[in-house]
C-alpha atoms as a PDB file:
ATOM      1  CA  MET A   1     -31.361  35.364 -12.567  1.00  0.00           C
ATOM      2  CA  ASP A   2     -31.146  31.515 -13.205  1.00  0.00           C
ATOM      3  CA  ALA A   3     -32.083  30.165 -16.391  1.00  0.00           C
ATOM      4  CA  SER A   4     -32.646  26.613 -15.331  1.00  0.00           C
ATOM      5  CA  PRO A   5     -35.899  25.163 -15.883  1.00  0.00           C
ATOM      6  CA  GLY A   6     -36.616  24.420 -12.237  1.00  0.00           C
ATOM      7  CA  GLY A   7     -35.769  28.104 -11.170  1.00  0.00           C
ATOM      8  CA  GLY A   8     -33.097  26.914  -8.470  1.00  0.00           C
ATOM      9  CA  SER A   9     -29.779  27.024  -8.520  1.00  0.00           C
ATOM     10  CA  ARG A  10     -27.944  23.947 -10.092  1.00  0.00           C
ATOM     11  CA  ALA A  11     -24.546  22.058  -9.342  1.00  0.00           C
ATOM     12  CA  ARG A  12     -22.518  22.402 -12.265  1.00  0.00           C
ATOM     13  CA  PRO A  13     -20.243  19.435 -13.115  1.00  0.00           C
ATOM     14  CA  SER A  14     -16.639  20.302 -14.578  1.00  0.00           C
ATOM     15  CA  GLY A  15     -14.335  18.351 -16.620  1.00  0.00           C
ATOM     16  CA  ARG A  16     -14.667  15.043 -17.892  1.00  0.00           C
ATOM     17  CA  PHE A  17     -14.472  11.484 -16.285  1.00  0.00           C
ATOM     18  CA  LEU A  18     -11.493   9.897 -17.868  1.00  0.00           C
ATOM     19  CA  ALA A  19     -10.799   6.130 -17.727  1.00  0.00           C
ATOM     20  CA  ARG A  20      -7.910   6.678 -15.329  1.00  0.00           C
ATOM     21  CA  GLU A  21     -10.237   8.379 -13.004  1.00  0.00           C
ATOM     22  CA  ARG A  22     -12.378   5.242 -12.685  1.00  0.00           C
ATOM     23  CA  ILE A  23     -11.913   2.210 -10.413  1.00  0.00           C
ATOM     24  CA  ARG A  24     -12.759  -0.657 -13.081  1.00  0.00           C
ATOM     25  CA  LYS A  25     -10.956  -3.765 -12.018  1.00  0.00           C
ATOM     26  CA  ARG A  26     -12.611  -6.108  -9.360  1.00  0.00           C
ATOM     27  CA  SER A  27      -9.220  -6.501  -7.468  1.00  0.00           C
ATOM     28  CA  GLU A  28      -9.424  -2.781  -7.069  1.00  0.00           C
ATOM     29  CA  PHE A  29     -13.004  -2.779  -5.749  1.00  0.00           C
ATOM     30  CA  ARG A  30     -11.871  -5.728  -3.451  1.00  0.00           C
ATOM     31  CA  THR A  31      -8.687  -4.136  -2.092  1.00  0.00           C
ATOM     32  CA  ILE A  32     -10.659  -0.871  -1.047  1.00  0.00           C
ATOM     33  CA  GLN A  33     -13.712  -2.720   0.405  1.00  0.00           C
ATOM     34  CA  ASP A  34     -11.500  -4.965   2.472  1.00  0.00           C
ATOM     35  CA  ALA A  35      -9.782  -1.655   3.841  1.00  0.00           C
ATOM     36  CA  GLY A  36     -13.083  -1.383   5.866  1.00  0.00           C
ATOM     37  CA  HIS A  37     -13.281   2.330   6.033  1.00  0.00           C
ATOM     38  CA  ARG A  38     -16.702   3.303   5.134  1.00  0.00           C
ATOM     39  CA  VAL A  39     -19.051   6.320   5.413  1.00  0.00           C
ATOM     40  CA  VAL A  40     -22.824   5.575   5.294  1.00  0.00           C
ATOM     41  CA  SER A  41     -25.503   7.868   4.206  1.00  0.00           C
ATOM     42  CA  PRO A  42     -29.033   7.334   3.676  1.00  0.00           C
ATOM     43  CA  ALA A  43     -28.789   6.397  -0.069  1.00  0.00           C
ATOM     44  CA  PHE A  44     -25.204   5.298  -0.494  1.00  0.00           C
ATOM     45  CA  VAL A  45     -22.314   3.735   1.286  1.00  0.00           C
ATOM     46  CA  PHE A  46     -18.828   5.358   0.602  1.00  0.00           C
ATOM     47  CA  LEU A  47     -15.843   2.898   0.763  1.00  0.00           C
ATOM     48  CA  LEU A  48     -12.441   4.731   1.110  1.00  0.00           C
ATOM     49  CA  GLY A  49      -8.976   3.917  -0.011  1.00  0.00           C
ATOM     50  CA  ARG A  50      -5.907   5.708  -0.892  1.00  0.00           C
ATOM     51  CA  CYS A  51      -4.492   5.355  -4.594  1.00  0.00           C
ATOM     52  CA  ALA A  52      -1.858   2.522  -4.237  1.00  0.00           C
ATOM     53  CA  ALA A  53       0.977   1.652  -6.368  1.00  0.00           C
ATOM     54  CA  GLN A  54       0.041  -1.041  -8.961  1.00  0.00           C
ATOM     55  CA  GLY A  55       3.214  -0.503 -10.727  1.00  0.00           C
ATOM     56  CA  ALA A  56       1.126   0.180 -13.677  1.00  0.00           C
ATOM     57  CA  ALA A  57       1.051   3.902 -14.227  1.00  0.00           C
ATOM     58  CA  ALA A  58       1.243   3.815 -17.888  1.00  0.00           C
ATOM     59  CA  GLN A  59      -2.158   1.863 -17.917  1.00  0.00           C
ATOM     60  CA  GLY A  60      -3.904   4.397 -15.898  1.00  0.00           C
ATOM     61  CA  ALA A  61      -3.490   3.013 -12.506  1.00  0.00           C
ATOM     62  CA  ALA A  62      -2.863   5.337  -9.625  1.00  0.00           C
ATOM     63  CA  VAL A  63       0.829   5.870  -8.411  1.00  0.00           C
ATOM     64  CA  PRO A  64       1.840   7.063  -4.862  1.00  0.00           C
ATOM     65  CA  GLY A  65       1.779  10.963  -4.556  1.00  0.00           C
ATOM     66  CA  ASP A  66      -0.911  11.081  -7.368  1.00  0.00           C
ATOM     67  CA  ARG A  67      -3.206  14.172  -7.081  1.00  0.00           C
ATOM     68  CA  ARG A  68      -6.290  12.636  -8.649  1.00  0.00           C
ATOM     69  CA  GLN A  69      -9.412  11.213  -7.122  1.00  0.00           C
ATOM     70  CA  ARG A  70     -10.899   7.786  -8.376  1.00  0.00           C
ATOM     71  CA  LEU A  71     -14.516   6.726  -8.173  1.00  0.00           C
ATOM     72  CA  GLY A  72     -15.984   3.227  -8.641  1.00  0.00           C
ATOM     73  CA  ILE A  73     -19.816   2.893  -8.470  1.00  0.00           C
ATOM     74  CA  THR A  74     -21.639  -0.364  -7.752  1.00  0.00           C
ATOM     75  CA  ALA A  75     -25.314  -0.731  -8.179  1.00  0.00           C
ATOM     76  CA  SER A  76     -26.970  -4.235  -7.678  1.00  0.00           C
ATOM     77  CA  ARG A  77     -30.278  -5.249  -8.673  1.00  0.00           C
ATOM     78  CA  LYS A  78     -31.739  -4.301  -5.511  1.00  0.00           C
ATOM     79  CA  VAL A  79     -31.646  -0.629  -6.745  1.00  0.00           C
ATOM     80  CA  GLY A  80     -34.072  -1.572  -9.547  1.00  0.00           C
ATOM     81  CA  ASN A  81     -34.074  -2.618 -13.188  1.00  0.00           C
ATOM     82  CA  ALA A  82     -31.067  -1.601 -15.881  1.00  0.00           C
ATOM     83  CA  VAL A  83     -32.698   1.697 -16.389  1.00  0.00           C
ATOM     84  CA  GLN A  84     -32.741   2.586 -12.925  1.00  0.00           C
ATOM     85  CA  ARG A  85     -29.290   1.260 -12.163  1.00  0.00           C
ATOM     86  CA  ASN A  86     -27.999   3.174 -15.039  1.00  0.00           C
ATOM     87  CA  ARG A  87     -29.430   6.759 -14.016  1.00  0.00           C
ATOM     88  CA  ALA A  88     -27.967   6.066 -10.568  1.00  0.00           C
ATOM     89  CA  LYS A  89     -24.575   5.605 -11.981  1.00  0.00           C
ATOM     90  CA  ARG A  90     -24.939   8.623 -14.214  1.00  0.00           C
ATOM     91  CA  LEU A  91     -26.212  11.114 -11.398  1.00  0.00           C
ATOM     92  CA  LEU A  92     -23.282   9.621  -9.161  1.00  0.00           C
ATOM     93  CA  ARG A  93     -20.409  10.317 -11.751  1.00  0.00           C
ATOM     94  CA  GLU A  94     -22.000  13.793 -12.320  1.00  0.00           C
ATOM     95  CA  ALA A  95     -22.022  14.362  -8.498  1.00  0.00           C
ATOM     96  CA  PHE A  96     -18.349  13.395  -8.656  1.00  0.00           C
ATOM     97  CA  ARG A  97     -17.454  15.973 -11.087  1.00  0.00           C
ATOM     98  CA  CYS A  98     -19.268  18.471  -9.190  1.00  0.00           C
ATOM     99  CA  ILE A  99     -17.549  17.977  -5.812  1.00  0.00           C
ATOM    100  CA  ARG A 100     -14.274  16.372  -6.864  1.00  0.00           C
ATOM    101  CA  THR A 101     -12.236  19.669  -6.053  1.00  0.00           C
ATOM    102  CA  GLU A 102     -13.347  19.318  -2.624  1.00  0.00           C
ATOM    103  CA  LEU A 103     -12.453  15.890  -2.004  1.00  0.00           C
ATOM    104  CA  PRO A 104      -8.920  15.071  -0.618  1.00  0.00           C
ATOM    105  CA  SER A 105      -6.352  14.376  -3.291  1.00  0.00           C
ATOM    106  CA  GLY A 106      -5.165  10.863  -3.691  1.00  0.00           C
ATOM    107  CA  ILE A 107      -8.531   9.256  -2.676  1.00  0.00           C
ATOM    108  CA  ASP A 108     -10.084   5.905  -3.958  1.00  0.00           C
ATOM    109  CA  LEU A 109     -13.823   6.302  -3.521  1.00  0.00           C
ATOM    110  CA  VAL A 110     -16.538   3.403  -4.058  1.00  0.00           C
ATOM    111  CA  VAL A 111     -19.894   4.309  -3.936  1.00  0.00           C
ATOM    112  CA  ILE A 112     -22.623   1.558  -3.409  1.00  0.00           C
ATOM    113  CA  VAL A 113     -26.192   2.564  -4.121  1.00  0.00           C
ATOM    114  CA  ARG A 114     -28.500   1.290  -1.256  1.00  0.00           C
ATOM    115  CA  GLN A 115     -31.647   2.146  -2.568  1.00  0.00           C
ATOM    116  CA  GLY A 116     -33.247   3.253  -5.889  1.00  0.00           C
ATOM    117  CA  ILE A 117     -32.419   6.941  -6.858  1.00  0.00           C
ATOM    118  CA  GLY A 118     -36.053   7.549  -7.377  1.00  0.00           C
ATOM    119  CA  ALA A 119     -37.112  10.968  -8.418  1.00  0.00           C
ATOM    120  CA  ARG A 120     -33.893  12.488  -6.993  1.00  0.00           C
ATOM    121  CA  THR A 121     -31.968  15.144  -8.991  1.00  0.00           C
ATOM    122  CA  LEU A 122     -28.426  15.864  -9.406  1.00  0.00           C
ATOM    123  CA  ALA A 123     -28.697  18.738  -6.645  1.00  0.00           C
ATOM    124  CA  ASP A 124     -30.241  16.096  -4.346  1.00  0.00           C
ATOM    125  CA  VAL A 125     -27.403  13.899  -4.659  1.00  0.00           C
ATOM    126  CA  VAL A 126     -24.854  16.488  -4.657  1.00  0.00           C
ATOM    127  CA  ALA A 127     -26.383  17.752  -1.356  1.00  0.00           C
ATOM    128  CA  GLU A 128     -26.092  14.195   0.051  1.00  0.00           C
ATOM    129  CA  TRP A 129     -22.476  13.889  -0.774  1.00  0.00           C
ATOM    130  CA  GLN A 130     -21.708  17.330   0.668  1.00  0.00           C
ATOM    131  CA  SER A 131     -23.397  16.214   3.881  1.00  0.00           C
ATOM    132  CA  CYS A 132     -20.915  13.178   4.226  1.00  0.00           C
ATOM    133  CA  ARG A 133     -18.114  15.371   2.882  1.00  0.00           C
ATOM    134  CA  ALA A 134     -16.575  15.974   6.535  1.00  0.00           C
ATOM    135  CA  ARG A 135     -17.067  12.378   7.470  1.00  0.00           C
ATOM    136  CA  ILE A 136     -15.136  11.139   4.437  1.00  0.00           C
ATOM    137  CA  GLU A 137     -12.311  13.641   4.825  1.00  0.00           C
ATOM    138  CA  ARG A 138     -11.828  12.495   8.473  1.00  0.00           C
ATOM    139  CA  ARG A 139     -12.065   8.865   7.624  1.00  0.00           C
ATOM    140  CA  PHE A 140      -9.610   9.378   4.749  1.00  0.00           C
ATOM    141  CA  ALA A 141      -7.244  11.218   6.935  1.00  0.00           C
ATOM    142  CA  GLY A 142      -7.064   8.368   9.204  1.00  0.00           C
ATOM    143  CA  LEU A 143      -6.221   5.975   6.452  1.00  0.00           C
ATOM    144  CA  PRO A 144      -2.512   4.441   6.406  1.00  0.00           C
ATOM    145  CA  ALA A 145      -0.425   5.483   3.733  1.00  0.00           C
ATOM    146  CA  PRO A 146       0.182   2.942   0.904  1.00  0.00           C
ATOM    147  CA  ALA A 147       3.055   0.774   1.224  1.00  0.00           C
ATOM    148  CA  GLY A 148       5.556   1.768  -1.720  1.00  0.00           C
ATOM    149  CA  PRO A 149       6.679  -1.157  -4.038  1.00  0.00           C
ATOM    150  CA  ALA A 150       9.845  -2.642  -3.269  1.00  0.00           C
ATOM    151  CA  ARG A 151      12.949  -1.431  -4.482  1.00  0.00           C
ATOM    152  CA  PRO A 152      14.236  -3.002  -7.990  1.00  0.00           C
ATOM    153  CA  GLY A 153      16.287  -5.951  -7.414  1.00  0.00           C
ATOM    154  CA  GLN A 154      14.646  -6.892  -3.899  1.00  0.00           C
ATOM    155  CA  ALA A 155      12.120  -9.422  -4.089  1.00  0.00           C
ATOM    156  CA  SER A 156       9.483  -9.342  -1.336  1.00  0.00           C
ATOM    157  CA  GLU A 157       9.485 -12.424   0.677  1.00  0.00           C
ATOM    158  CA  PRO A 158       7.520 -13.872   3.226  1.00  0.00           C
ATOM    159  CA  GLU A 159       9.143 -13.511   6.821  1.00  0.00           C
ATOM    160  CA  ASN A 160       8.669 -17.237   7.605  1.00  0.00           C
ATOM    161  CA  MET A 161      10.306 -18.360   4.608  1.00  0.00           C
ATOM    162  CA  PRO A 162      13.221 -20.479   4.756  1.00  0.00           C
ATOM    163  CA  GLU A 163      16.586 -19.720   3.330  1.00  0.00           C
ATOM    164  CA  PRO A 164      17.240 -21.414  -0.184  1.00  0.00           C
ATOM    165  CA  ALA A 165      20.289 -23.281   1.320  1.00  0.00           C
ATOM    166  CA  VAL A 166      17.904 -25.029   3.863  1.00  0.00           C
ATOM    167  CA  LEU A 167      15.574 -26.048   1.274  1.00  0.00           C
ATOM    168  CA  ALA A 168      18.340 -27.456  -0.978  1.00  0.00           C
ATOM    169  CA  LEU A 169      19.320 -29.572   2.028  1.00  0.00           C
ATOM    170  CA  GLU A 170      15.631 -30.629   3.021  1.00  0.00           C
ATOM    171  CA  ASN A 171      15.187 -31.887  -0.624  1.00  0.00           C
ATOM    172  CA  SER A 172      18.381 -33.488  -0.852  1.00  0.00           C
ATOM    173  CA  CYS A 173      17.290 -36.134   1.982  1.00  0.00           C
END
């Protein structure tokens, strides 16, 4: 018998939500948003990306082949006041902890809250994530692999860039 106050079964989050498991920088949010891979549910928009090498593994950024999933949350003022936005973010973090073992490894997931959470419980939010999980997995499988960093000693140059010798001749005239 379940000892929870509601009498029903509850989703149980596991583990902590460490800083390296969060998408925190605006540039990371923009990169995932610009990729254009999204899954829409009634209350949320899930933006998908692959963990990309930022060259800063020591700073907590993801590296290729990384097995962890990262989460970023956006809740605008349309969702409600600060109390409602923070409650929505807390519920999303808890839901992520509940289902992160079922998500593909190496996924960067940004969740945009579309409307107020209202009286939704953790079980409601987890159920909505579960209903979108198959679509998230399909979209994630279709994402291109991240481009690896250039090898040491090789600078990445634009293809239309003239050679340095040509530039020197043009500047001397």
